N, C-alpha and C. Protein backbone atom coordinates (compact mmCIF):
# COMPACT_ATOMS: atom_id res chain seq x y z
N ARG A 1 7.64 15.30 -1.24
CA ARG A 1 7.75 13.92 -1.23
C ARG A 1 8.16 13.10 0.19
N TRP A 2 7.98 13.94 1.08
CA TRP A 2 8.36 13.44 2.40
C TRP A 2 6.90 13.47 3.33
N VAL A 3 6.73 12.82 4.19
CA VAL A 3 5.96 12.42 5.15
C VAL A 3 5.92 12.49 6.52
N LEU A 4 5.29 13.10 7.40
CA LEU A 4 5.22 12.71 8.92
C LEU A 4 4.39 11.77 9.21
N LEU A 5 4.88 10.67 9.97
CA LEU A 5 3.77 9.42 10.48
C LEU A 5 4.03 9.77 11.78
N ALA A 6 2.74 9.87 12.19
CA ALA A 6 2.85 9.34 13.96
C ALA A 6 2.65 8.19 14.21
N ASN A 7 3.04 7.85 15.55
CA ASN A 7 3.22 6.62 16.12
C ASN A 7 2.09 6.60 16.96
N TRP A 8 0.98 7.26 16.74
CA TRP A 8 0.26 7.13 17.96
C TRP A 8 -0.53 5.86 18.53
N MET A 9 -0.43 5.38 17.67
CA MET A 9 -1.08 3.47 18.40
C MET A 9 0.09 2.97 18.83
N ASP A 10 1.19 3.26 19.32
CA ASP A 10 2.51 2.72 19.52
C ASP A 10 3.38 3.00 20.53
N ARG A 11 2.81 2.67 21.86
CA ARG A 11 3.96 3.61 23.21
C ARG A 11 5.19 3.70 22.83
N THR A 12 5.47 2.54 22.26
CA THR A 12 6.99 2.16 22.23
C THR A 12 7.74 2.71 21.22
N LEU A 13 7.04 3.50 20.37
CA LEU A 13 7.61 4.05 19.47
C LEU A 13 8.46 3.24 18.03
N LEU A 14 8.09 1.96 18.56
CA LEU A 14 9.12 1.53 17.68
C LEU A 14 8.49 0.47 16.21
N ARG A 15 7.12 0.24 16.27
CA ARG A 15 6.79 -0.36 15.51
C ARG A 15 7.02 -0.08 14.33
N ASN A 16 6.55 1.11 13.82
CA ASN A 16 6.85 1.53 12.19
C ASN A 16 8.28 1.27 11.81
N ASP A 17 8.94 1.53 12.75
CA ASP A 17 10.51 1.23 12.40
C ASP A 17 10.73 -0.19 11.99
N VAL A 18 10.35 -0.80 12.97
CA VAL A 18 10.70 -2.15 13.26
C VAL A 18 10.02 -3.22 12.09
N ALA A 19 8.54 -2.66 11.78
CA ALA A 19 8.30 -2.78 10.04
C ALA A 19 8.73 -2.83 8.92
N PHE A 20 9.49 -1.72 9.08
CA PHE A 20 10.17 -1.06 7.54
C PHE A 20 11.37 -1.90 7.90
N GLU A 21 11.77 -2.20 8.55
CA GLU A 21 13.37 -2.97 8.56
C GLU A 21 12.79 -4.47 8.37
N ILE A 22 11.99 -5.10 8.84
CA ILE A 22 11.60 -6.16 8.34
C ILE A 22 11.56 -6.42 6.83
N ALA A 23 10.53 -5.25 6.25
CA ALA A 23 10.24 -5.46 5.20
C ALA A 23 11.54 -5.21 4.18
N ARG A 24 12.36 -4.46 4.41
CA ARG A 24 13.79 -4.24 3.65
C ARG A 24 14.38 -5.45 3.58
N ARG A 25 14.15 -6.68 4.36
CA ARG A 25 15.10 -7.86 4.72
C ARG A 25 14.33 -8.66 3.85
N THR A 26 12.95 -8.43 3.11
CA THR A 26 12.21 -9.32 2.24
C THR A 26 12.67 -9.12 0.70
N SER A 27 11.83 -9.57 0.19
CA SER A 27 11.81 -9.75 -1.54
C SER A 27 10.97 -8.36 -2.16
N MET A 28 10.36 -7.84 -1.25
CA MET A 28 9.98 -6.51 -1.57
C MET A 28 10.51 -5.50 -2.48
N ASP A 29 9.97 -4.83 -3.49
CA ASP A 29 10.77 -4.25 -4.38
C ASP A 29 11.37 -2.70 -3.69
N TRP A 30 11.02 -2.13 -2.81
CA TRP A 30 11.07 -0.73 -1.81
C TRP A 30 10.42 -0.90 -0.84
N THR A 31 11.40 -0.17 0.41
CA THR A 31 10.35 0.26 1.41
C THR A 31 11.20 1.61 1.42
N PRO A 32 10.33 2.48 2.39
CA PRO A 32 10.69 3.79 2.25
C PRO A 32 11.29 3.58 3.81
N SER A 33 12.66 5.27 3.40
CA SER A 33 13.26 5.16 4.60
C SER A 33 13.17 6.32 5.26
N GLY A 34 13.52 6.64 6.96
CA GLY A 34 13.30 7.77 7.60
C GLY A 34 13.81 7.61 8.83
N GLU A 35 13.62 8.81 9.46
CA GLU A 35 14.39 8.98 10.68
C GLU A 35 13.17 9.19 11.70
N PHE A 36 13.30 8.89 13.09
CA PHE A 36 12.71 9.66 13.84
C PHE A 36 12.69 10.76 14.49
N VAL A 37 11.74 11.54 14.82
CA VAL A 37 11.69 13.23 14.83
C VAL A 37 11.11 13.51 15.95
N GLU A 38 11.46 14.50 16.87
CA GLU A 38 10.68 15.28 17.92
C GLU A 38 10.25 16.40 17.44
N LEU A 39 8.98 16.74 17.13
CA LEU A 39 8.28 17.56 16.51
C LEU A 39 8.11 18.96 17.43
N VAL A 40 8.94 20.06 17.07
CA VAL A 40 8.50 21.35 18.13
C VAL A 40 7.72 21.95 16.71
N LEU A 41 6.92 22.48 17.29
CA LEU A 41 6.09 23.74 16.25
C LEU A 41 5.76 25.21 17.39
N ASN A 42 6.14 25.79 17.02
CA ASN A 42 5.96 27.35 17.62
C ASN A 42 6.42 27.30 18.99
N GLY A 43 7.56 26.48 18.79
CA GLY A 43 8.21 26.43 20.20
C GLY A 43 7.71 25.57 21.19
N LYS A 44 6.57 24.84 20.91
CA LYS A 44 5.45 23.60 21.58
C LYS A 44 6.00 22.11 21.16
N HIS A 45 6.56 21.37 21.91
CA HIS A 45 6.72 20.00 21.76
C HIS A 45 5.53 19.04 21.29
N VAL A 46 5.64 18.85 20.51
CA VAL A 46 4.17 18.15 19.65
C VAL A 46 3.73 16.90 19.43
N GLY A 47 4.97 15.98 19.58
CA GLY A 47 5.07 14.78 19.76
C GLY A 47 6.20 14.17 18.87
N ASN A 48 6.17 12.39 18.86
CA ASN A 48 7.51 12.12 18.23
C ASN A 48 6.67 11.48 16.98
N TYR A 49 7.31 11.67 15.56
CA TYR A 49 7.12 11.44 14.52
C TYR A 49 8.48 10.40 13.50
N TRP A 50 7.94 9.93 12.67
CA TRP A 50 9.26 8.98 11.58
C TRP A 50 8.85 9.99 10.49
N LEU A 51 10.00 10.66 10.35
CA LEU A 51 9.93 11.54 8.89
C LEU A 51 10.30 10.46 7.84
N GLY A 52 9.44 10.44 6.92
CA GLY A 52 10.06 9.48 5.86
C GLY A 52 9.43 9.46 4.61
N GLU A 53 10.32 9.23 3.60
CA GLU A 53 9.76 9.23 1.83
C GLU A 53 8.35 8.93 1.96
N LYS A 54 7.55 9.57 1.31
CA LYS A 54 6.66 9.42 0.47
C LYS A 54 6.59 8.08 -0.07
N ILE A 55 5.17 7.52 -0.29
CA ILE A 55 5.58 6.31 -1.43
C ILE A 55 5.07 7.10 -2.72
N LYS A 56 6.26 7.28 -3.56
CA LYS A 56 6.03 7.43 -4.78
C LYS A 56 6.79 6.54 -6.10
N THR A 57 6.44 6.99 -6.94
CA THR A 57 7.36 6.31 -8.22
C THR A 57 8.52 7.19 -8.24
N GLY A 58 9.50 6.49 -9.20
CA GLY A 58 10.87 7.25 -9.68
C GLY A 58 12.28 6.70 -9.15
N LYS A 59 12.89 7.62 -9.71
CA LYS A 59 14.49 7.41 -9.52
C LYS A 59 14.45 7.45 -7.75
N SER A 60 15.34 6.17 -7.44
CA SER A 60 15.45 5.60 -6.01
C SER A 60 14.40 5.52 -4.86
N ARG A 61 13.32 5.17 -6.02
CA ARG A 61 12.00 5.40 -5.24
C ARG A 61 11.36 3.88 -5.79
N LEU A 62 9.81 3.24 -5.64
CA LEU A 62 9.39 2.72 -6.36
C LEU A 62 9.48 2.54 -7.76
N THR A 63 9.56 1.38 -8.27
CA THR A 63 9.54 0.89 -10.10
C THR A 63 8.28 0.66 -10.04
N ALA A 64 7.51 1.24 -10.77
CA ALA A 64 6.12 0.88 -10.94
C ALA A 64 4.96 1.62 -12.05
N ASP A 65 4.07 0.80 -12.67
CA ASP A 65 3.43 1.64 -13.32
C ASP A 65 2.01 2.40 -12.78
N PHE A 66 1.78 1.50 -11.96
CA PHE A 66 0.31 2.16 -10.70
C PHE A 66 0.94 1.54 -9.52
N VAL A 67 0.20 2.98 -8.36
CA VAL A 67 0.44 2.24 -7.29
C VAL A 67 -0.77 2.37 -6.44
N ILE A 68 -1.76 1.69 -5.85
CA ILE A 68 -3.13 1.63 -5.53
C ILE A 68 -2.97 1.31 -3.70
N GLU A 69 -4.16 1.78 -3.29
CA GLU A 69 -4.13 1.83 -1.79
C GLU A 69 -5.49 1.37 -1.35
N MET A 70 -5.51 0.29 -0.93
CA MET A 70 -6.68 -0.33 -0.55
C MET A 70 -6.95 0.39 1.20
N ASP A 71 -8.20 1.52 1.01
CA ASP A 71 -8.10 2.06 2.23
C ASP A 71 -9.63 2.35 2.14
N THR A 72 -10.29 2.27 3.70
CA THR A 72 -11.82 2.14 3.53
C THR A 72 -11.96 4.08 3.68
N TYR A 73 -11.31 4.44 3.89
CA TYR A 73 -11.41 6.26 3.99
C TYR A 73 -11.82 6.72 2.67
N TYR A 74 -11.16 6.07 1.86
CA TYR A 74 -12.21 5.79 0.38
C TYR A 74 -12.12 7.64 -0.15
N ASP A 75 -10.99 8.19 -0.02
CA ASP A 75 -10.69 9.16 0.01
C ASP A 75 -9.99 10.14 -1.03
N ALA A 76 -9.41 9.26 -2.17
CA ALA A 76 -8.93 9.56 -2.87
C ALA A 76 -9.30 10.03 -4.33
N THR A 77 -9.03 10.89 -4.76
CA THR A 77 -9.55 11.48 -6.36
C THR A 77 -9.91 10.68 -7.09
N TRP A 78 -9.16 9.80 -7.67
CA TRP A 78 -9.52 8.42 -8.51
C TRP A 78 -9.45 7.18 -7.47
N ARG A 79 -10.83 6.59 -7.91
CA ARG A 79 -11.14 5.69 -6.69
C ARG A 79 -12.37 4.73 -7.23
N PHE A 80 -12.28 3.51 -6.92
CA PHE A 80 -13.26 2.39 -7.37
C PHE A 80 -13.41 1.38 -6.12
N TYR A 81 -14.22 0.67 -6.26
CA TYR A 81 -14.23 -0.72 -5.57
C TYR A 81 -14.31 -1.62 -6.43
N SER A 82 -13.05 -2.61 -6.00
CA SER A 82 -13.00 -3.84 -6.83
C SER A 82 -13.97 -4.55 -6.99
N SER A 83 -14.09 -5.84 -7.59
CA SER A 83 -15.24 -6.79 -8.14
C SER A 83 -15.04 -8.25 -7.19
N TYR A 84 -14.16 -8.40 -6.45
CA TYR A 84 -14.43 -9.76 -5.73
C TYR A 84 -14.01 -9.24 -4.31
N GLY A 85 -12.98 -8.92 -4.01
CA GLY A 85 -12.26 -9.02 -2.57
C GLY A 85 -13.57 -8.79 -1.63
N ARG A 86 -13.19 -9.19 -0.47
CA ARG A 86 -13.98 -8.43 0.98
C ARG A 86 -13.11 -8.33 2.07
N ARG A 87 -13.71 -7.56 2.67
CA ARG A 87 -13.16 -7.24 3.90
C ARG A 87 -13.57 -7.71 5.23
N VAL A 88 -12.68 -8.14 6.15
CA VAL A 88 -12.89 -8.76 7.14
C VAL A 88 -14.08 -8.35 7.83
N ASN A 89 -15.32 -9.23 8.07
CA ASN A 89 -16.64 -8.87 9.06
C ASN A 89 -17.44 -8.20 8.29
N GLN A 90 -17.16 -7.95 6.98
CA GLN A 90 -18.18 -7.62 5.99
C GLN A 90 -18.93 -8.47 4.83
N SER A 91 -19.72 -8.23 4.35
CA SER A 91 -20.62 -8.82 3.43
C SER A 91 -20.36 -8.10 2.08
N ALA A 92 -20.12 -7.08 2.31
CA ALA A 92 -20.06 -6.19 0.73
C ALA A 92 -19.06 -6.52 0.31
N THR A 93 -19.11 -7.13 -0.98
CA THR A 93 -17.95 -7.49 -2.17
C THR A 93 -17.65 -5.88 -2.60
N GLY A 94 -16.06 -6.11 -2.72
CA GLY A 94 -14.95 -5.04 -3.38
C GLY A 94 -14.27 -4.52 -2.28
N MET A 95 -13.04 -4.11 -2.62
CA MET A 95 -12.24 -3.69 -1.99
C MET A 95 -12.27 -2.09 -2.63
N PRO A 96 -11.86 -1.04 -1.44
CA PRO A 96 -12.21 0.02 -1.86
C PRO A 96 -10.55 0.45 -2.10
N ILE A 97 -10.67 1.19 -3.62
CA ILE A 97 -9.27 1.34 -4.31
C ILE A 97 -9.13 2.90 -4.64
N GLY A 98 -7.89 3.23 -3.55
CA GLY A 98 -7.65 4.62 -4.53
C GLY A 98 -6.36 4.72 -5.08
N VAL A 99 -6.78 5.46 -6.33
CA VAL A 99 -5.19 5.30 -7.19
C VAL A 99 -3.94 6.39 -6.18
N LYS A 100 -2.72 6.01 -6.33
CA LYS A 100 -1.65 7.02 -5.68
C LYS A 100 -0.82 7.55 -6.84
N GLU A 101 -0.29 6.63 -7.54
CA GLU A 101 0.35 6.72 -8.93
C GLU A 101 -0.20 6.32 -10.14
N PRO A 102 -0.48 7.02 -11.22
CA PRO A 102 0.22 8.28 -11.21
C PRO A 102 -0.45 9.34 -10.40
N ASP A 103 0.52 10.27 -10.34
CA ASP A 103 -0.68 11.54 -9.34
C ASP A 103 -1.24 11.94 -10.35
N ASP A 104 -2.74 12.79 -9.52
CA ASP A 104 -3.70 13.04 -9.93
C ASP A 104 -3.67 13.74 -11.08
N GLU A 105 -2.93 14.93 -11.44
CA GLU A 105 -2.54 15.90 -12.19
C GLU A 105 -2.19 14.94 -13.76
N ASP A 106 -1.48 13.56 -13.39
CA ASP A 106 -1.18 12.56 -14.39
C ASP A 106 -1.89 11.39 -15.19
N MET A 107 -2.91 11.44 -13.77
CA MET A 107 -3.67 10.30 -14.34
C MET A 107 -4.99 10.70 -15.39
N THR A 108 -5.25 9.81 -16.37
CA THR A 108 -6.33 10.01 -17.62
C THR A 108 -7.38 9.09 -17.37
N SER A 109 -8.65 9.55 -18.26
CA SER A 109 -9.30 8.37 -18.06
C SER A 109 -8.82 6.87 -18.58
N ALA A 110 -8.43 6.81 -19.95
CA ALA A 110 -7.43 5.65 -20.28
C ALA A 110 -6.93 5.24 -19.21
N LEU A 111 -5.78 5.63 -18.34
CA LEU A 111 -5.03 5.13 -17.38
C LEU A 111 -6.05 4.53 -15.99
N PHE A 112 -7.11 5.08 -16.08
CA PHE A 112 -7.86 4.58 -15.19
C PHE A 112 -8.57 3.56 -15.28
N THR A 113 -8.97 3.41 -16.87
CA THR A 113 -9.63 2.27 -16.65
C THR A 113 -8.68 1.15 -17.38
N GLU A 114 -7.46 1.31 -18.00
CA GLU A 114 -6.71 0.22 -17.67
C GLU A 114 -6.20 -0.11 -16.40
N LEU A 115 -6.25 0.29 -15.15
CA LEU A 115 -5.93 0.40 -13.82
C LEU A 115 -6.73 -0.78 -13.67
N LYS A 116 -8.28 -0.32 -13.56
CA LYS A 116 -9.34 -0.97 -13.07
C LYS A 116 -9.79 -2.22 -13.77
N THR A 117 -9.11 -2.42 -15.21
CA THR A 117 -9.12 -3.84 -15.90
C THR A 117 -7.93 -4.57 -15.22
N LEU A 118 -6.47 -4.31 -14.98
CA LEU A 118 -5.51 -4.98 -14.53
C LEU A 118 -6.04 -5.62 -12.77
N VAL A 119 -6.33 -4.57 -12.10
CA VAL A 119 -7.16 -5.00 -10.88
C VAL A 119 -8.11 -6.16 -10.93
N ASN A 120 -9.20 -5.87 -11.77
CA ASN A 120 -10.57 -6.73 -11.75
C ASN A 120 -9.96 -8.36 -12.57
N ASP A 121 -8.96 -8.10 -13.69
CA ASP A 121 -8.39 -9.08 -14.14
C ASP A 121 -7.55 -9.99 -12.71
N THR A 122 -7.05 -9.32 -12.28
CA THR A 122 -6.07 -9.93 -11.40
C THR A 122 -7.14 -10.73 -10.39
N GLU A 123 -8.09 -10.03 -9.54
CA GLU A 123 -8.94 -10.82 -8.76
C GLU A 123 -9.54 -12.24 -9.56
N ARG A 124 -10.07 -11.49 -10.82
CA ARG A 124 -10.69 -12.63 -11.26
C ARG A 124 -10.09 -13.97 -11.34
N ALA A 125 -8.51 -13.81 -11.73
CA ALA A 125 -7.48 -14.96 -11.89
C ALA A 125 -7.49 -15.84 -10.46
N VAL A 126 -7.78 -14.97 -9.25
CA VAL A 126 -7.49 -15.36 -7.96
C VAL A 126 -8.58 -16.06 -7.53
N TYR A 127 -9.52 -15.21 -7.52
CA TYR A 127 -11.34 -15.67 -7.48
C TYR A 127 -11.97 -16.33 -7.93
N VAL A 128 -12.03 -16.40 -9.46
CA VAL A 128 -12.74 -17.56 -9.86
C VAL A 128 -12.22 -18.23 -11.08
N GLY A 129 -10.49 -18.27 -10.93
CA GLY A 129 -9.64 -18.88 -11.95
C GLY A 129 -9.52 -19.00 -13.29
N THR A 130 -10.17 -17.57 -13.73
CA THR A 130 -9.95 -17.79 -15.33
C THR A 130 -8.60 -17.68 -15.76
N GLU A 131 -7.75 -17.77 -15.16
CA GLU A 131 -6.27 -18.19 -15.78
C GLU A 131 -5.19 -18.34 -14.72
N ASP A 132 -4.08 -18.52 -15.02
CA ASP A 132 -3.44 -19.12 -13.95
C ASP A 132 -2.88 -17.50 -13.10
N TRP A 133 -3.52 -17.77 -12.01
CA TRP A 133 -3.21 -16.40 -11.22
C TRP A 133 -1.94 -15.71 -10.95
N ARG A 134 -0.82 -17.08 -11.21
CA ARG A 134 0.59 -16.83 -11.10
C ARG A 134 1.06 -15.54 -12.11
N GLU A 135 0.74 -15.41 -13.23
CA GLU A 135 0.58 -15.20 -14.36
C GLU A 135 0.24 -13.17 -13.79
N ARG A 136 -0.81 -12.90 -13.18
CA ARG A 136 -0.99 -11.77 -12.44
C ARG A 136 -0.57 -11.41 -11.41
N LEU A 137 -0.16 -12.16 -10.37
CA LEU A 137 0.61 -11.97 -9.00
C LEU A 137 1.29 -12.40 -8.43
N ASP A 138 2.29 -11.57 -7.92
CA ASP A 138 3.48 -11.92 -7.45
C ASP A 138 3.45 -12.85 -5.89
N ALA A 139 3.38 -14.26 -6.16
CA ALA A 139 3.21 -14.87 -4.88
C ALA A 139 4.08 -14.18 -3.65
N GLU A 140 5.49 -14.41 -4.05
CA GLU A 140 6.53 -13.97 -3.03
C GLU A 140 6.41 -12.62 -2.66
N SER A 141 6.10 -11.59 -3.25
CA SER A 141 5.90 -10.47 -2.31
C SER A 141 4.52 -10.49 -1.48
N PHE A 142 3.88 -11.06 -1.70
CA PHE A 142 2.66 -11.05 -0.86
C PHE A 142 2.85 -11.76 0.19
N ALA A 143 3.73 -12.94 0.18
CA ALA A 143 3.71 -14.19 1.42
C ALA A 143 4.62 -12.80 2.08
N ASP A 144 5.31 -12.02 1.65
CA ASP A 144 6.51 -11.19 2.26
C ASP A 144 5.98 -10.13 2.96
N TRP A 145 4.93 -9.55 2.20
CA TRP A 145 4.14 -8.46 2.67
C TRP A 145 3.34 -8.62 4.00
N PHE A 146 2.91 -9.72 3.92
CA PHE A 146 1.52 -10.93 4.97
C PHE A 146 2.54 -10.97 6.15
N LEU A 147 3.81 -11.41 5.78
CA LEU A 147 4.67 -11.83 7.20
C LEU A 147 4.75 -10.26 7.86
N VAL A 148 5.54 -9.72 7.31
CA VAL A 148 5.81 -8.05 7.76
C VAL A 148 4.48 -7.66 8.70
N HIS A 149 3.24 -7.93 8.68
CA HIS A 149 2.22 -7.32 8.73
C HIS A 149 1.40 -8.18 10.08
N GLU A 150 2.33 -9.57 10.04
CA GLU A 150 2.01 -10.31 11.10
C GLU A 150 2.84 -10.11 12.09
N LEU A 151 4.02 -9.90 11.92
CA LEU A 151 5.29 -9.51 12.93
C LEU A 151 5.12 -8.31 13.38
N ALA A 152 4.48 -7.35 12.79
CA ALA A 152 4.54 -6.53 13.36
C ALA A 152 3.22 -6.11 14.31
N TYR A 153 2.09 -7.05 14.19
CA TYR A 153 0.86 -7.22 14.93
C TYR A 153 0.06 -5.97 14.25
N ASN A 154 0.03 -5.83 13.13
CA ASN A 154 -0.58 -4.31 12.16
C ASN A 154 -2.00 -5.15 11.90
N GLY A 155 -3.04 -4.75 12.45
CA GLY A 155 -4.52 -5.34 12.05
C GLY A 155 -4.75 -4.71 10.85
N GLU A 156 -4.59 -3.62 10.24
CA GLU A 156 -4.55 -2.86 8.96
C GLU A 156 -5.18 -3.59 7.55
N PRO A 157 -4.26 -4.66 7.38
CA PRO A 157 -4.97 -5.19 6.24
C PRO A 157 -6.57 -5.61 6.49
N ASN A 158 -7.18 -5.76 7.68
CA ASN A 158 -8.26 -6.59 7.73
C ASN A 158 -9.43 -5.79 7.50
N HIS A 159 -9.39 -4.59 7.41
CA HIS A 159 -10.40 -3.59 7.22
C HIS A 159 -10.52 -2.86 5.90
N PRO A 160 -9.34 -2.66 5.18
CA PRO A 160 -8.17 -2.14 5.31
C PRO A 160 -7.81 -0.65 5.27
N LYS A 161 -6.73 -0.41 5.57
CA LYS A 161 -6.42 1.07 5.76
C LYS A 161 -4.82 1.27 5.31
N SER A 162 -4.42 1.87 4.62
CA SER A 162 -3.34 1.99 4.38
C SER A 162 -2.26 1.01 3.63
N CYS A 163 -2.77 0.00 2.64
CA CYS A 163 -2.62 -0.97 2.29
C CYS A 163 -2.20 -0.94 0.97
N TYR A 164 -0.59 -1.00 0.52
CA TYR A 164 -0.35 -0.59 -0.98
C TYR A 164 -0.04 -1.72 -2.01
N PHE A 165 -0.30 -1.80 -3.14
CA PHE A 165 -0.10 -2.76 -4.07
C PHE A 165 0.53 -1.41 -5.29
N HIS A 166 1.47 -2.50 -5.95
CA HIS A 166 1.61 -1.89 -7.28
C HIS A 166 1.49 -3.01 -8.49
N PHE A 167 1.38 -2.35 -9.68
CA PHE A 167 1.74 -3.00 -10.86
C PHE A 167 2.76 -2.88 -11.49
N ARG A 168 3.49 -3.75 -12.26
CA ARG A 168 4.71 -3.08 -13.10
C ARG A 168 4.39 -4.25 -14.36
N ASP A 169 4.22 -4.15 -15.40
CA ASP A 169 4.11 -4.79 -16.60
C ASP A 169 3.06 -5.74 -16.59
N GLY A 170 2.08 -5.09 -15.95
CA GLY A 170 0.61 -5.77 -15.77
C GLY A 170 0.56 -7.07 -14.74
N LYS A 171 1.59 -6.76 -13.86
CA LYS A 171 1.35 -7.96 -12.85
C LYS A 171 1.59 -7.32 -11.31
N MET A 172 0.61 -7.64 -10.48
CA MET A 172 0.45 -7.00 -9.24
C MET A 172 1.13 -7.40 -7.96
N TYR A 173 2.21 -6.58 -7.36
CA TYR A 173 3.09 -6.99 -6.45
C TYR A 173 2.49 -6.12 -5.04
N ALA A 174 2.96 -6.95 -4.33
CA ALA A 174 2.43 -6.38 -2.73
C ALA A 174 3.57 -5.13 -2.06
N GLY A 175 3.02 -4.31 -1.60
CA GLY A 175 3.85 -3.43 -0.98
C GLY A 175 4.10 -2.37 -1.62
N PRO A 176 4.60 -1.19 -1.56
CA PRO A 176 5.32 -1.38 -0.38
C PRO A 176 4.55 -1.13 1.24
N VAL A 177 4.99 -1.51 2.36
CA VAL A 177 4.41 -1.62 3.61
C VAL A 177 4.34 -0.11 3.76
N TRP A 178 3.30 -0.04 4.88
CA TRP A 178 3.31 1.77 5.08
C TRP A 178 2.32 1.49 6.73
């Protein structure tokens, strides 16, 4: 339930921590907590990391029915491409989506089909206008999520990498930030 997050792209070692603090001050549902650590392995200093909470649902964590990650690594066990979205500078349609919650052992074919339907119905409402997109997507959380990425100068949403979203009661919310 804990992770070591490398700060390898940021020589100041502050960007991740600042981004998490900005996110805590928004309307987003939950933001991981953590601390900087100097990691020593077998007596050898191997670097500075952020030791923090893993993105999970549950008590004192995120309240959600599903958590998805848009990530071009596309390495999740349960994964699919959405029907409409596009990555920056890519002509292919569809965003790479991996299921983070429920965990692999709790995911079923029925839940997977339900999640794919939620994602595709949400995208269809946004891109095609089949229904009022505000019924399917929480605009405030998306605005806050985008603001955090902009202020932290995080370009990962453009390709995307480690971009998390969640569904609760059939509605899509942005975050948590990672």
